[in-house]
C-alpha atoms as a PDB file:
ATOM      1  CA  MET A   1     -16.836 -60.381   4.957  1.00  0.00           C
ATOM      2  CA  GLN A   2     -14.174 -57.673   4.348  1.00  0.00           C
ATOM      3  CA  ILE A   3     -10.806 -57.468   6.703  1.00  0.00           C
ATOM      4  CA  SER A   4      -8.884 -53.734   5.520  1.00  0.00           C
ATOM      5  CA  MET A   5      -5.430 -52.719   6.468  1.00  0.00           C
ATOM      6  CA  THR A   6      -5.813 -49.410   7.309  1.00  0.00           C
ATOM      7  CA  ARG A   7      -5.477 -46.455   9.536  1.00  0.00           C
ATOM      8  CA  ALA A   8      -6.607 -42.918  10.260  1.00  0.00           C
ATOM      9  CA  VAL A   9      -4.587 -41.002   9.441  1.00  0.00           C
ATOM     10  CA  PRO A  10      -3.173 -38.482  11.367  1.00  0.00           C
ATOM     11  CA  ARG A  11      -4.326 -34.763  10.900  1.00  0.00           C
ATOM     12  CA  PRO A  12      -1.209 -32.898  10.305  1.00  0.00           C
ATOM     13  CA  SER A  13      -0.302 -30.066  13.068  1.00  0.00           C
ATOM     14  CA  ALA A  14       1.248 -26.421  13.062  1.00  0.00           C
ATOM     15  CA  GLY A  15       3.716 -26.699   9.917  1.00  0.00           C
ATOM     16  CA  ILE A  16       6.242 -23.629   8.593  1.00  0.00           C
ATOM     17  CA  ILE A  17       3.075 -21.407   6.801  1.00  0.00           C
ATOM     18  CA  ASP A  18       1.597 -21.297  10.211  1.00  0.00           C
ATOM     19  CA  ASP A  19       4.731 -20.838  12.402  1.00  0.00           C
ATOM     20  CA  ILE A  20       5.404 -17.411   9.322  1.00  0.00           C
ATOM     21  CA  GLU A  21       1.390 -16.353   9.574  1.00  0.00           C
ATOM     22  CA  ARG A  22       1.288 -15.938  13.658  1.00  0.00           C
ATOM     23  CA  GLU A  23       5.281 -13.874  13.383  1.00  0.00           C
ATOM     24  CA  ASP A  24       3.310 -12.287  10.480  1.00  0.00           C
ATOM     25  CA  ASN A  25       0.239 -11.228  12.807  1.00  0.00           C
ATOM     26  CA  LYS A  26       2.398 -10.112  15.640  1.00  0.00           C
ATOM     27  CA  LYS A  27       3.850  -7.476  13.961  1.00  0.00           C
ATOM     28  CA  GLY A  28       0.566  -5.912  14.070  1.00  0.00           C
ATOM     29  CA  TYR A  29      -1.423  -4.015  11.292  1.00  0.00           C
ATOM     30  CA  GLU A  30       0.881  -2.758   8.172  1.00  0.00           C
ATOM     31  CA  PRO A  31      -0.509  -0.626   5.534  1.00  0.00           C
ATOM     32  CA  ASP A  32      -1.369  -2.188   2.120  1.00  0.00           C
ATOM     33  CA  ASP A  33      -0.003  -0.930  -1.164  1.00  0.00           C
ATOM     34  CA  LEU A  34      -2.987   1.606  -1.812  1.00  0.00           C
ATOM     35  CA  THR A  35      -2.863   2.789   1.732  1.00  0.00           C
ATOM     36  CA  ALA A  36       0.801   3.366   0.994  1.00  0.00           C
ATOM     37  CA  PHE A  37      -0.240   4.916  -2.746  1.00  0.00           C
ATOM     38  CA  HIS A  38      -2.972   7.309  -1.003  1.00  0.00           C
ATOM     39  CA  GLN A  39      -0.217   8.639   1.216  1.00  0.00           C
ATOM     40  CA  ILE A  40       2.183   9.836  -1.389  1.00  0.00           C
ATOM     41  CA  VAL A  41      -0.546  11.250  -3.980  1.00  0.00           C
ATOM     42  CA  ARG A  42      -1.937  13.304  -0.516  1.00  0.00           C
ATOM     43  CA  HIS A  43       1.473  14.282   0.124  1.00  0.00           C
ATOM     44  CA  LEU A  44       2.256  15.576  -3.129  1.00  0.00           C
ATOM     45  CA  VAL A  45      -1.677  16.775  -3.504  1.00  0.00           C
ATOM     46  CA  ILE A  46      -0.685  19.008  -0.088  1.00  0.00           C
ATOM     47  CA  ASP A  47       3.096  20.031  -1.769  1.00  0.00           C
ATOM     48  CA  GLY A  48       1.313  21.403  -4.932  1.00  0.00           C
ATOM     49  CA  ASP A  49      -1.372  23.733  -3.191  1.00  0.00           C
ATOM     50  CA  ARG A  50       1.819  25.134  -0.927  1.00  0.00           C
ATOM     51  CA  ARG A  51       3.439  25.994  -3.653  1.00  0.00           C
ATOM     52  CA  ALA A  52       0.639  27.456  -6.122  1.00  0.00           C
ATOM     53  CA  ALA A  53      -0.066  29.168  -3.101  1.00  0.00           C
ATOM     54  CA  ASP A  54       3.442  31.385  -3.236  1.00  0.00           C
ATOM     55  CA  ALA A  55       3.772  31.281  -6.657  1.00  0.00           C
ATOM     56  CA  SER A  56       2.972  35.175  -7.219  1.00  0.00           C
ATOM     57  CA  ARG A  57       2.836  34.800 -11.030  1.00  0.00           C
ATOM     58  CA  THR A  58      -0.906  35.754 -12.467  1.00  0.00           C
ATOM     59  CA  LEU A  59      -2.406  33.706 -15.417  1.00  0.00           C
ATOM     60  CA  ALA A  60      -1.829  37.117 -17.276  1.00  0.00           C
ATOM     61  CA  ASP A  61       2.031  37.118 -16.728  1.00  0.00           C
ATOM     62  CA  MET A  62       1.879  33.421 -17.667  1.00  0.00           C
ATOM     63  CA  ALA A  63       0.215  34.447 -20.795  1.00  0.00           C
ATOM     64  CA  LEU A  64       2.781  36.964 -21.660  1.00  0.00           C
ATOM     65  CA  VAL A  65       5.622  34.093 -20.977  1.00  0.00           C
ATOM     66  CA  GLY A  66       4.301  32.741 -23.547  1.00  0.00           C
ATOM     67  CA  GLN A  67       4.302  34.804 -26.215  1.00  0.00           C
ATOM     68  CA  GLY A  68       7.647  35.627 -26.671  1.00  0.00           C
ATOM     69  CA  ARG A  69       7.598  39.360 -24.657  1.00  0.00           C
END
């Protein structure tokens, strides 16, 4: 017969990491980096399209500028 002097290790309770995660979850949904990137690109495309629509130069006008006339 063997006698052992051990006792059960108590299960760890919520620590600092759990507190941080709980606080972060209370903030709600936050867009990730890829979503922010897509928003910037979408803005740039809309701005570029608007600028292109406002431009009054034609391809022929641009070709003349390139030839030095």
